[in-house]
């Protein structure tokens, strides 16, 4: 199983940054693991001509860094982790946040979701998406400053080799909270041309899907766990995942991705991007394991 021993929350001092700090700190406390905070000030990209009159650019940058530090210290205090190690850097946020995650050997990165996601184009903004593209570890997108344990964790699996790491990461969060875990496999319709050529009946596809689901649970050591259940739906994966989350009132959705590579960014209908775009609840994104690339 995946062990999450260190949590790193990334914040820019905003309200959605506070969601990351509070949610990450609360879960780390419940799981009994270490917790750290990182903030990146992108002021170094400010051209010198934009500095206020009479102030050297270096002094202007330092003022921004001090202000950012004060905001994050206040957020850590509000989250009840005033003594948590704090990393303040200046530069490009997506690259530096992931670099700090590597340097601190964080196992889980927490970022905040957009406020009022129903009006936004995605649960995360452009900076958050770039963090996800670069992430080499599970990333929890916090939709609110959650202090309570997760109770219902919905995990989408596609029965590929990525299903194992996704389930293990989901179980690491769920088991720490004593949450129920529901593994969902969506049987998507075959393209028309393939459907005409396929000799396998729909019932046979369903039977095979159920067998493969049981196999995945067996291989991850989750078969037989009282709080783990398997579920199947038919339809388009992204839509069915969110429908199941709504019907079951899941408070955390877990999906895997092959790393959000170039082609993933072009495939606007890909499952993780669909969930982030249309979902309005906490989401755990699990990148493809390096050993599988």
C-alpha atoms as a PDB file:
ATOM      1  CA  UNK A   1       0.000   0.000   0.000  1.00  0.00           C
ATOM      2  CA  UNK A   2       1.017   3.630  -0.511  1.00  0.00           C
ATOM      3  CA  UNK A   3       2.232   5.340   2.649  1.00  0.00           C
ATOM      4  CA  UNK A   4       1.560   9.051   2.919  1.00  0.00           C
ATOM      5  CA  UNK A   5       4.073  10.270   5.504  1.00  0.00           C
ATOM      6  CA  UNK A   6       4.323  13.944   4.606  1.00  0.00           C
ATOM      7  CA  UNK A   7       1.743  16.428   3.327  1.00  0.00           C
ATOM      8  CA  UNK A   8       2.675  19.674   1.564  1.00  0.00           C
ATOM      9  CA  UNK A   9       0.020  22.364   1.085  1.00  0.00           C
ATOM     10  CA  UNK A  10       0.538  25.045  -1.559  1.00  0.00           C
ATOM     11  CA  UNK A  11      -1.083  28.446  -1.009  1.00  0.00           C
ATOM     12  CA  UNK A  12      -0.898  31.895  -2.532  1.00  0.00           C
ATOM     13  CA  UNK A  13      -2.473  33.500   0.521  1.00  0.00           C
ATOM     14  CA  UNK A  14      -5.945  33.606  -1.068  1.00  0.00           C
ATOM     15  CA  UNK A  15      -9.178  31.985   0.091  1.00  0.00           C
ATOM     16  CA  UNK A  16      -8.654  28.904  -2.058  1.00  0.00           C
ATOM     17  CA  UNK A  17      -5.108  28.740  -0.720  1.00  0.00           C
ATOM     18  CA  UNK A  18      -6.592  28.660   2.784  1.00  0.00           C
ATOM     19  CA  UNK A  19      -8.689  25.655   1.701  1.00  0.00           C
ATOM     20  CA  UNK A  20      -5.471  23.798   0.876  1.00  0.00           C
ATOM     21  CA  UNK A  21      -3.785  24.687   4.175  1.00  0.00           C
ATOM     22  CA  UNK A  22      -6.781  23.839   6.381  1.00  0.00           C
ATOM     23  CA  UNK A  23      -7.686  20.626   4.533  1.00  0.00           C
ATOM     24  CA  UNK A  24      -4.090  19.407   4.330  1.00  0.00           C
ATOM     25  CA  UNK A  25      -3.293  20.230   7.951  1.00  0.00           C
ATOM     26  CA  UNK A  26      -6.466  18.582   9.248  1.00  0.00           C
ATOM     27  CA  UNK A  27      -5.898  15.358   7.302  1.00  0.00           C
ATOM     28  CA  UNK A  28      -2.207  15.224   8.262  1.00  0.00           C
ATOM     29  CA  UNK A  29      -3.177  15.591  11.921  1.00  0.00           C
ATOM     30  CA  UNK A  30      -5.745  12.782  11.680  1.00  0.00           C
ATOM     31  CA  UNK A  31      -3.268  10.544   9.873  1.00  0.00           C
ATOM     32  CA  UNK A  32      -0.446  11.364  12.283  1.00  0.00           C
ATOM     33  CA  UNK A  33       1.938  12.520   9.532  1.00  0.00           C
ATOM     34  CA  UNK A  34       4.070  15.636   9.077  1.00  0.00           C
ATOM     35  CA  UNK A  35       2.778  18.774   7.400  1.00  0.00           C
ATOM     36  CA  UNK A  36       4.500  21.681   5.652  1.00  0.00           C
ATOM     37  CA  UNK A  37       3.387  24.736   3.674  1.00  0.00           C
ATOM     38  CA  UNK A  38       4.805  26.336   0.535  1.00  0.00           C
ATOM     39  CA  UNK A  39       4.031  29.654  -1.135  1.00  0.00           C
ATOM     40  CA  UNK A  40       5.589  31.045  -4.287  1.00  0.00           C
ATOM     41  CA  UNK A  41       5.747  34.757  -5.044  1.00  0.00           C
ATOM     42  CA  UNK A  42       5.920  35.392  -8.772  1.00  0.00           C
ATOM     43  CA  UNK A  43       7.135  38.965  -8.243  1.00  0.00           C
ATOM     44  CA  UNK A  44      10.520  38.256  -9.863  1.00  0.00           C
ATOM     45  CA  UNK A  45       8.718  38.338 -13.193  1.00  0.00           C
ATOM     46  CA  UNK A  46       7.808  41.993 -12.600  1.00  0.00           C
ATOM     47  CA  UNK A  47       9.675  44.299 -15.036  1.00  0.00           C
ATOM     48  CA  UNK A  48      11.751  47.006 -13.247  1.00  0.00           C
ATOM     49  CA  UNK A  49       9.745  49.788 -14.926  1.00  0.00           C
ATOM     50  CA  UNK A  50       6.642  48.626 -13.007  1.00  0.00           C
ATOM     51  CA  UNK A  51       8.256  49.227  -9.613  1.00  0.00           C
ATOM     52  CA  UNK A  52       6.857  52.235  -7.699  1.00  0.00           C
ATOM     53  CA  UNK A  53       8.808  55.518  -8.189  1.00  0.00           C
ATOM     54  CA  UNK A  54      11.749  55.908  -5.861  1.00  0.00           C
ATOM     55  CA  UNK A  55      11.833  52.209  -4.904  1.00  0.00           C
ATOM     56  CA  UNK A  56      14.423  49.798  -6.174  1.00  0.00           C
ATOM     57  CA  UNK A  57      12.959  46.647  -7.779  1.00  0.00           C
ATOM     58  CA  UNK A  58      14.836  44.465  -5.265  1.00  0.00           C
ATOM     59  CA  UNK A  59      13.194  46.311  -2.357  1.00  0.00           C
ATOM     60  CA  UNK A  60       9.804  46.018  -4.045  1.00  0.00           C
ATOM     61  CA  UNK A  61      10.280  42.279  -4.466  1.00  0.00           C
ATOM     62  CA  UNK A  62      11.305  41.849  -0.828  1.00  0.00           C
ATOM     63  CA  UNK A  63       8.183  43.709   0.272  1.00  0.00           C
ATOM     64  CA  UNK A  64       6.028  41.286  -1.729  1.00  0.00           C
ATOM     65  CA  UNK A  65       7.833  38.307  -0.225  1.00  0.00           C
ATOM     66  CA  UNK A  66       7.354  39.650   3.312  1.00  0.00           C
ATOM     67  CA  UNK A  67       3.661  40.241   2.656  1.00  0.00           C
ATOM     68  CA  UNK A  68       3.255  36.729   1.245  1.00  0.00           C
ATOM     69  CA  UNK A  69       4.998  35.210   4.256  1.00  0.00           C
ATOM     70  CA  UNK A  70       2.740  37.103   6.663  1.00  0.00           C
ATOM     71  CA  UNK A  71      -0.389  35.906   4.836  1.00  0.00           C
ATOM     72  CA  UNK A  72       0.712  32.273   4.928  1.00  0.00           C
ATOM     73  CA  UNK A  73       1.708  32.483   8.603  1.00  0.00           C
ATOM     74  CA  UNK A  74      -1.800  33.793   9.330  1.00  0.00           C
ATOM     75  CA  UNK A  75      -3.345  30.928   7.347  1.00  0.00           C
ATOM     76  CA  UNK A  76      -1.220  28.356   9.171  1.00  0.00           C
ATOM     77  CA  UNK A  77      -2.304  29.871  12.470  1.00  0.00           C
ATOM     78  CA  UNK A  78      -5.965  29.678  11.396  1.00  0.00           C
ATOM     79  CA  UNK A  79      -5.450  26.029  10.441  1.00  0.00           C
ATOM     80  CA  UNK A  80      -3.996  25.299  13.866  1.00  0.00           C
ATOM     81  CA  UNK A  81      -0.474  24.572  12.587  1.00  0.00           C
ATOM     82  CA  UNK A  82       1.366  27.789  13.416  1.00  0.00           C
ATOM     83  CA  UNK A  83       4.602  25.846  13.908  1.00  0.00           C
ATOM     84  CA  UNK A  84       4.477  24.045  10.541  1.00  0.00           C
ATOM     85  CA  UNK A  85       7.633  24.460   8.407  1.00  0.00           C
ATOM     86  CA  UNK A  86       7.063  27.202   5.829  1.00  0.00           C
ATOM     87  CA  UNK A  87       8.778  27.493   2.442  1.00  0.00           C
ATOM     88  CA  UNK A  88       8.670  30.866   0.707  1.00  0.00           C
ATOM     89  CA  UNK A  89      10.145  31.095  -2.789  1.00  0.00           C
ATOM     90  CA  UNK A  90      10.068  33.604  -5.630  1.00  0.00           C
ATOM     91  CA  UNK A  91       9.668  32.490  -9.230  1.00  0.00           C
ATOM     92  CA  UNK A  92       7.230  30.378 -11.225  1.00  0.00           C
ATOM     93  CA  UNK A  93       4.696  28.679  -8.923  1.00  0.00           C
ATOM     94  CA  UNK A  94       4.026  25.377 -10.759  1.00  0.00           C
ATOM     95  CA  UNK A  95       7.699  24.488 -11.144  1.00  0.00           C
ATOM     96  CA  UNK A  96       8.771  25.641  -7.681  1.00  0.00           C
ATOM     97  CA  UNK A  97       5.895  24.014  -5.813  1.00  0.00           C
ATOM     98  CA  UNK A  98       6.725  20.667  -7.384  1.00  0.00           C
ATOM     99  CA  UNK A  99      10.436  21.214  -6.745  1.00  0.00           C
ATOM    100  CA  UNK A 100       9.764  21.877  -3.053  1.00  0.00           C
ATOM    101  CA  UNK A 101       7.595  18.750  -2.980  1.00  0.00           C
ATOM    102  CA  UNK A 102      10.576  16.804  -4.323  1.00  0.00           C
ATOM    103  CA  UNK A 103      13.052  18.416  -1.917  1.00  0.00           C
ATOM    104  CA  UNK A 104      10.872  17.799   1.135  1.00  0.00           C
ATOM    105  CA  UNK A 105       9.956  14.283  -0.082  1.00  0.00           C
ATOM    106  CA  UNK A 106       6.269  15.077   0.264  1.00  0.00           C
ATOM    107  CA  UNK A 107       3.940  12.173  -0.519  1.00  0.00           C
ATOM    108  CA  UNK A 108       0.800  14.274  -0.980  1.00  0.00           C
ATOM    109  CA  UNK A 109       0.424  17.770  -2.429  1.00  0.00           C
ATOM    110  CA  UNK A 110      -2.672  19.799  -1.551  1.00  0.00           C
ATOM    111  CA  UNK A 111      -3.854  22.756  -3.618  1.00  0.00           C
ATOM    112  CA  UNK A 112      -7.009  24.850  -3.379  1.00  0.00           C
ATOM    113  CA  UNK A 113      -9.925  24.855  -5.782  1.00  0.00           C
ATOM    114  CA  UNK A 114     -11.394  27.899  -7.449  1.00  0.00           C
ATOM    115  CA  UNK A 115     -14.016  29.707  -5.441  1.00  0.00           C
ATOM    116  CA  UNK A 116     -17.564  29.295  -6.824  1.00  0.00           C
ATOM    117  CA  UNK A 117     -16.508  26.461  -9.176  1.00  0.00           C
ATOM    118  CA  UNK A 118     -19.993  26.340 -10.705  1.00  0.00           C
ATOM    119  CA  UNK A 119     -19.225  29.679 -12.358  1.00  0.00           C
ATOM    120  CA  UNK A 120     -15.629  28.828 -13.173  1.00  0.00           C
ATOM    121  CA  UNK A 121     -14.418  26.875 -16.174  1.00  0.00           C
ATOM    122  CA  UNK A 122     -12.640  24.381 -13.952  1.00  0.00           C
ATOM    123  CA  UNK A 123     -12.200  23.396 -10.321  1.00  0.00           C
ATOM    124  CA  UNK A 124      -8.592  24.622 -10.638  1.00  0.00           C
ATOM    125  CA  UNK A 125      -7.201  27.651 -12.440  1.00  0.00           C
ATOM    126  CA  UNK A 126      -4.373  27.769 -14.955  1.00  0.00           C
ATOM    127  CA  UNK A 127      -1.659  27.718 -12.262  1.00  0.00           C
ATOM    128  CA  UNK A 128      -3.271  24.724 -10.558  1.00  0.00           C
ATOM    129  CA  UNK A 129      -3.527  22.848 -13.855  1.00  0.00           C
ATOM    130  CA  UNK A 130       0.157  23.443 -14.556  1.00  0.00           C
ATOM    131  CA  UNK A 131       0.972  22.050 -11.102  1.00  0.00           C
ATOM    132  CA  UNK A 132      -1.038  18.961 -11.978  1.00  0.00           C
ATOM    133  CA  UNK A 133       0.762  18.578 -15.310  1.00  0.00           C
ATOM    134  CA  UNK A 134       4.119  18.511 -13.484  1.00  0.00           C
ATOM    135  CA  UNK A 135       3.079  16.517 -10.415  1.00  0.00           C
ATOM    136  CA  UNK A 136       4.861  13.256  -9.628  1.00  0.00           C
ATOM    137  CA  UNK A 137       2.720  12.503  -6.576  1.00  0.00           C
ATOM    138  CA  UNK A 138      -0.996  12.471  -5.705  1.00  0.00           C
ATOM    139  CA  UNK A 139      -2.529  15.958  -5.647  1.00  0.00           C
ATOM    140  CA  UNK A 140      -5.572  16.703  -3.492  1.00  0.00           C
ATOM    141  CA  UNK A 141      -7.659  19.577  -4.837  1.00  0.00           C
ATOM    142  CA  UNK A 142      -9.470  20.999  -1.795  1.00  0.00           C
ATOM    143  CA  UNK A 143     -12.847  22.498  -2.694  1.00  0.00           C
ATOM    144  CA  UNK A 144     -13.295  24.030   0.783  1.00  0.00           C
ATOM    145  CA  UNK A 145     -11.343  24.432   4.050  1.00  0.00           C
ATOM    146  CA  UNK A 146     -12.348  20.991   5.324  1.00  0.00           C
ATOM    147  CA  UNK A 147     -11.548  20.041   8.910  1.00  0.00           C
ATOM    148  CA  UNK A 148     -13.875  17.035   9.161  1.00  0.00           C
ATOM    149  CA  UNK A 149     -12.799  13.528   8.070  1.00  0.00           C
ATOM    150  CA  UNK A 150     -13.747  12.237   4.643  1.00  0.00           C
ATOM    151  CA  UNK A 151     -16.605   9.760   4.981  1.00  0.00           C
ATOM    152  CA  UNK A 152     -17.318   8.546   1.446  1.00  0.00           C
ATOM    153  CA  UNK A 153     -14.456   8.222  -1.042  1.00  0.00           C
ATOM    154  CA  UNK A 154     -15.406   7.435  -4.644  1.00  0.00           C
ATOM    155  CA  UNK A 155     -12.542   5.997  -6.676  1.00  0.00           C
ATOM    156  CA  UNK A 156     -12.787   5.672 -10.454  1.00  0.00           C
ATOM    157  CA  UNK A 157     -10.831   2.798 -12.005  1.00  0.00           C
ATOM    158  CA  UNK A 158     -10.430   1.920 -15.668  1.00  0.00           C
ATOM    159  CA  UNK A 159      -9.071  -1.620 -15.033  1.00  0.00           C
ATOM    160  CA  UNK A 160      -5.679  -0.660 -16.547  1.00  0.00           C
ATOM    161  CA  UNK A 161      -2.376  -0.997 -14.660  1.00  0.00           C
ATOM    162  CA  UNK A 162      -3.023   2.525 -13.343  1.00  0.00           C
ATOM    163  CA  UNK A 163      -5.998   1.239 -11.326  1.00  0.00           C
ATOM    164  CA  UNK A 164      -3.735  -0.236  -8.653  1.00  0.00           C
ATOM    165  CA  UNK A 165      -1.916   3.005  -7.728  1.00  0.00           C
ATOM    166  CA  UNK A 166      -5.198   4.927  -7.847  1.00  0.00           C
ATOM    167  CA  UNK A 167      -6.913   2.531  -5.442  1.00  0.00           C
ATOM    168  CA  UNK A 168      -3.906   2.440  -3.115  1.00  0.00           C
ATOM    169  CA  UNK A 169      -3.728   6.236  -2.929  1.00  0.00           C
ATOM    170  CA  UNK A 170      -7.466   6.434  -2.305  1.00  0.00           C
ATOM    171  CA  UNK A 171      -7.230   3.806   0.421  1.00  0.00           C
ATOM    172  CA  UNK A 172      -4.374   5.714   2.109  1.00  0.00           C
ATOM    173  CA  UNK A 173      -6.660   8.722   2.594  1.00  0.00           C
ATOM    174  CA  UNK A 174      -9.844   6.751   3.275  1.00  0.00           C
ATOM    175  CA  UNK A 175      -8.368   4.375   5.841  1.00  0.00           C
ATOM    176  CA  UNK A 176      -6.855   7.232   7.865  1.00  0.00           C
ATOM    177  CA  UNK A 177     -10.351   8.716   8.165  1.00  0.00           C
ATOM    178  CA  UNK A 178     -12.234   5.446   8.572  1.00  0.00           C
ATOM    179  CA  UNK A 179     -14.125   6.293   5.393  1.00  0.00           C
ATOM    180  CA  UNK A 180     -16.068   4.044   3.062  1.00  0.00           C
ATOM    181  CA  UNK A 181     -14.367   3.482  -0.277  1.00  0.00           C
ATOM    182  CA  UNK A 182     -16.369   2.768  -3.403  1.00  0.00           C
ATOM    183  CA  UNK A 183     -14.463   1.571  -6.477  1.00  0.00           C
ATOM    184  CA  UNK A 184     -16.352   2.565  -9.609  1.00  0.00           C
ATOM    185  CA  UNK A 185     -15.814   1.159 -13.085  1.00  0.00           C
ATOM    186  CA  UNK A 186     -17.677   2.766 -15.952  1.00  0.00           C
ATOM    187  CA  UNK A 187     -18.326   0.536 -18.942  1.00  0.00           C
ATOM    188  CA  UNK A 188     -18.246   2.974 -21.826  1.00  0.00           C
ATOM    189  CA  UNK A 189     -20.145   2.299 -25.050  1.00  0.00           C
ATOM    190  CA  UNK A 190     -18.121   0.973 -27.962  1.00  0.00           C
ATOM    191  CA  UNK A 191     -17.730   3.257 -30.982  1.00  0.00           C
ATOM    192  CA  UNK A 192     -20.362   2.455 -33.615  1.00  0.00           C
ATOM    193  CA  UNK A 193     -17.923   0.798 -36.024  1.00  0.00           C
ATOM    194  CA  UNK A 194     -16.452  -1.389 -33.280  1.00  0.00           C
ATOM    195  CA  UNK A 195     -19.886  -2.195 -31.872  1.00  0.00           C
ATOM    196  CA  UNK A 196     -20.979  -3.554 -35.246  1.00  0.00           C
ATOM    197  CA  UNK A 197     -17.826  -5.646 -35.592  1.00  0.00           C
ATOM    198  CA  UNK A 198     -17.707  -6.867 -31.973  1.00  0.00           C
ATOM    199  CA  UNK A 199     -18.871 -10.387 -31.373  1.00  0.00           C
ATOM    200  CA  UNK A 200     -19.059  -9.941 -27.585  1.00  0.00           C
ATOM    201  CA  UNK A 201     -22.554  -9.420 -26.209  1.00  0.00           C
ATOM    202  CA  UNK A 202     -23.238  -6.587 -23.758  1.00  0.00           C
ATOM    203  CA  UNK A 203     -23.893  -9.035 -20.923  1.00  0.00           C
ATOM    204  CA  UNK A 204     -20.541 -10.668 -21.575  1.00  0.00           C
ATOM    205  CA  UNK A 205     -18.790  -7.286 -21.427  1.00  0.00           C
ATOM    206  CA  UNK A 206     -20.464  -6.597 -18.091  1.00  0.00           C
ATOM    207  CA  UNK A 207     -19.449  -9.997 -16.740  1.00  0.00           C
ATOM    208  CA  UNK A 208     -15.843  -9.483 -17.790  1.00  0.00           C
ATOM    209  CA  UNK A 209     -15.848  -6.016 -16.264  1.00  0.00           C
ATOM    210  CA  UNK A 210     -17.035  -7.373 -12.920  1.00  0.00           C
ATOM    211  CA  UNK A 211     -14.385 -10.106 -12.999  1.00  0.00           C
ATOM    212  CA  UNK A 212     -11.635  -7.612 -13.776  1.00  0.00           C
ATOM    213  CA  UNK A 213     -12.852  -5.341 -10.999  1.00  0.00           C
ATOM    214  CA  UNK A 214     -12.616  -8.184  -8.489  1.00  0.00           C
ATOM    215  CA  UNK A 215      -9.134  -8.980  -9.783  1.00  0.00           C
ATOM    216  CA  UNK A 216      -7.969  -5.399  -9.281  1.00  0.00           C
ATOM    217  CA  UNK A 217      -9.310  -5.364  -5.711  1.00  0.00           C
ATOM    218  CA  UNK A 218      -7.587  -8.692  -5.070  1.00  0.00           C
ATOM    219  CA  UNK A 219      -4.249  -7.448  -6.405  1.00  0.00           C
ATOM    220  CA  UNK A 220      -4.377  -4.297  -4.290  1.00  0.00           C
ATOM    221  CA  UNK A 221      -5.261  -6.230  -1.145  1.00  0.00           C
ATOM    222  CA  UNK A 222      -8.616  -4.482  -0.775  1.00  0.00           C
ATOM    223  CA  UNK A 223     -10.912  -7.393  -1.545  1.00  0.00           C
ATOM    224  CA  UNK A 224     -12.647  -8.432   1.626  1.00  0.00           C
ATOM    225  CA  UNK A 225     -12.270  -5.056   3.360  1.00  0.00           C
ATOM    226  CA  UNK A 226     -15.648  -4.300   4.939  1.00  0.00           C
ATOM    227  CA  UNK A 227     -15.510  -0.611   4.016  1.00  0.00           C
ATOM    228  CA  UNK A 228     -14.595  -1.234   0.355  1.00  0.00           C
ATOM    229  CA  UNK A 229     -17.263  -1.889  -2.259  1.00  0.00           C
ATOM    230  CA  UNK A 230     -17.281  -2.240  -6.047  1.00  0.00           C
ATOM    231  CA  UNK A 231     -19.774  -0.591  -8.357  1.00  0.00           C
ATOM    232  CA  UNK A 232     -20.334  -0.500 -12.114  1.00  0.00           C
ATOM    233  CA  UNK A 233     -22.158   1.982 -14.334  1.00  0.00           C
ATOM    234  CA  UNK A 234     -22.622   2.284 -18.077  1.00  0.00           C
ATOM    235  CA  UNK A 235     -22.068   5.491 -20.020  1.00  0.00           C
ATOM    236  CA  UNK A 236     -19.396   8.146 -20.493  1.00  0.00           C
ATOM    237  CA  UNK A 237     -16.799   7.900 -17.745  1.00  0.00           C
ATOM    238  CA  UNK A 238     -16.569  11.515 -16.634  1.00  0.00           C
ATOM    239  CA  UNK A 239     -20.314  12.063 -16.561  1.00  0.00           C
ATOM    240  CA  UNK A 240     -21.029   8.777 -14.761  1.00  0.00           C
ATOM    241  CA  UNK A 241     -18.333   9.413 -12.149  1.00  0.00           C
ATOM    242  CA  UNK A 242     -19.881  12.736 -11.210  1.00  0.00           C
ATOM    243  CA  UNK A 243     -23.397  11.251 -11.283  1.00  0.00           C
ATOM    244  CA  UNK A 244     -22.286   8.507  -8.893  1.00  0.00           C
ATOM    245  CA  UNK A 245     -20.592  11.059  -6.653  1.00  0.00           C
ATOM    246  CA  UNK A 246     -23.820  13.053  -6.548  1.00  0.00           C
ATOM    247  CA  UNK A 247     -26.064  10.021  -5.938  1.00  0.00           C
ATOM    248  CA  UNK A 248     -23.825   8.627  -3.194  1.00  0.00           C
ATOM    249  CA  UNK A 249     -22.964  12.068  -1.779  1.00  0.00           C
ATOM    250  CA  UNK A 250     -19.244  11.313  -1.944  1.00  0.00           C
ATOM    251  CA  UNK A 251     -17.061  13.947  -0.295  1.00  0.00           C
ATOM    252  CA  UNK A 252     -13.902  12.926  -2.173  1.00  0.00           C
ATOM    253  CA  UNK A 253     -13.494  11.750  -5.772  1.00  0.00           C
ATOM    254  CA  UNK A 254     -10.298   9.976  -6.825  1.00  0.00           C
ATOM    255  CA  UNK A 255      -9.198   9.659 -10.449  1.00  0.00           C
ATOM    256  CA  UNK A 256      -5.983   8.655 -12.154  1.00  0.00           C
ATOM    257  CA  UNK A 257      -4.181  10.239 -15.037  1.00  0.00           C
ATOM    258  CA  UNK A 258      -1.269   9.317 -17.265  1.00  0.00           C
ATOM    259  CA  UNK A 259       0.502  12.495 -16.259  1.00  0.00           C
ATOM    260  CA  UNK A 260      -1.471  15.155 -18.161  1.00  0.00           C
ATOM    261  CA  UNK A 261       0.938  14.966 -21.075  1.00  0.00           C
ATOM    262  CA  UNK A 262       0.684  17.016 -24.257  1.00  0.00           C
ATOM    263  CA  UNK A 263      -2.064  14.910 -25.782  1.00  0.00           C
ATOM    264  CA  UNK A 264      -4.002  14.809 -22.497  1.00  0.00           C
ATOM    265  CA  UNK A 265      -4.160  18.591 -22.607  1.00  0.00           C
ATOM    266  CA  UNK A 266      -5.638  18.435 -26.078  1.00  0.00           C
ATOM    267  CA  UNK A 267      -8.207  15.790 -25.117  1.00  0.00           C
ATOM    268  CA  UNK A 268     -10.681  18.079 -23.389  1.00  0.00           C
ATOM    269  CA  UNK A 269     -13.022  15.152 -22.806  1.00  0.00           C
ATOM    270  CA  UNK A 270     -10.450  13.081 -20.899  1.00  0.00           C
ATOM    271  CA  UNK A 271     -11.801  11.792 -17.596  1.00  0.00           C
ATOM    272  CA  UNK A 272      -9.614  13.673 -15.071  1.00  0.00           C
ATOM    273  CA  UNK A 273      -9.998  16.956 -16.922  1.00  0.00           C
ATOM    274  CA  UNK A 274     -13.765  16.418 -17.172  1.00  0.00           C
ATOM    275  CA  UNK A 275     -14.019  15.753 -13.424  1.00  0.00           C
ATOM    276  CA  UNK A 276     -11.966  18.851 -12.634  1.00  0.00           C
ATOM    277  CA  UNK A 277     -13.950  20.962 -15.059  1.00  0.00           C
ATOM    278  CA  UNK A 278     -17.417  19.906 -13.920  1.00  0.00           C
ATOM    279  CA  UNK A 279     -16.917  18.606 -10.378  1.00  0.00           C
ATOM    280  CA  UNK A 280     -17.592  20.704  -7.300  1.00  0.00           C
ATOM    281  CA  UNK A 281     -16.103  18.532  -4.574  1.00  0.00           C
ATOM    282  CA  UNK A 282     -12.674  17.564  -3.271  1.00  0.00           C
ATOM    283  CA  UNK A 283     -10.738  15.608  -5.898  1.00  0.00           C
ATOM    284  CA  UNK A 284      -7.595  13.517  -5.623  1.00  0.00           C
ATOM    285  CA  UNK A 285      -5.577  13.268  -8.852  1.00  0.00           C
ATOM    286  CA  UNK A 286      -3.155  10.328  -8.957  1.00  0.00           C
ATOM    287  CA  UNK A 287      -0.449  10.576 -11.640  1.00  0.00           C
ATOM    288  CA  UNK A 288       0.961   7.580 -13.450  1.00  0.00           C
ATOM    289  CA  UNK A 289       3.715   5.845 -11.475  1.00  0.00           C
ATOM    290  CA  UNK A 290       7.210   6.395 -12.914  1.00  0.00           C
ATOM    291  CA  UNK A 291       7.784   2.639 -13.106  1.00  0.00           C
ATOM    292  CA  UNK A 292       4.837   2.325 -15.507  1.00  0.00           C
ATOM    293  CA  UNK A 293       6.094   4.866 -18.044  1.00  0.00           C
END
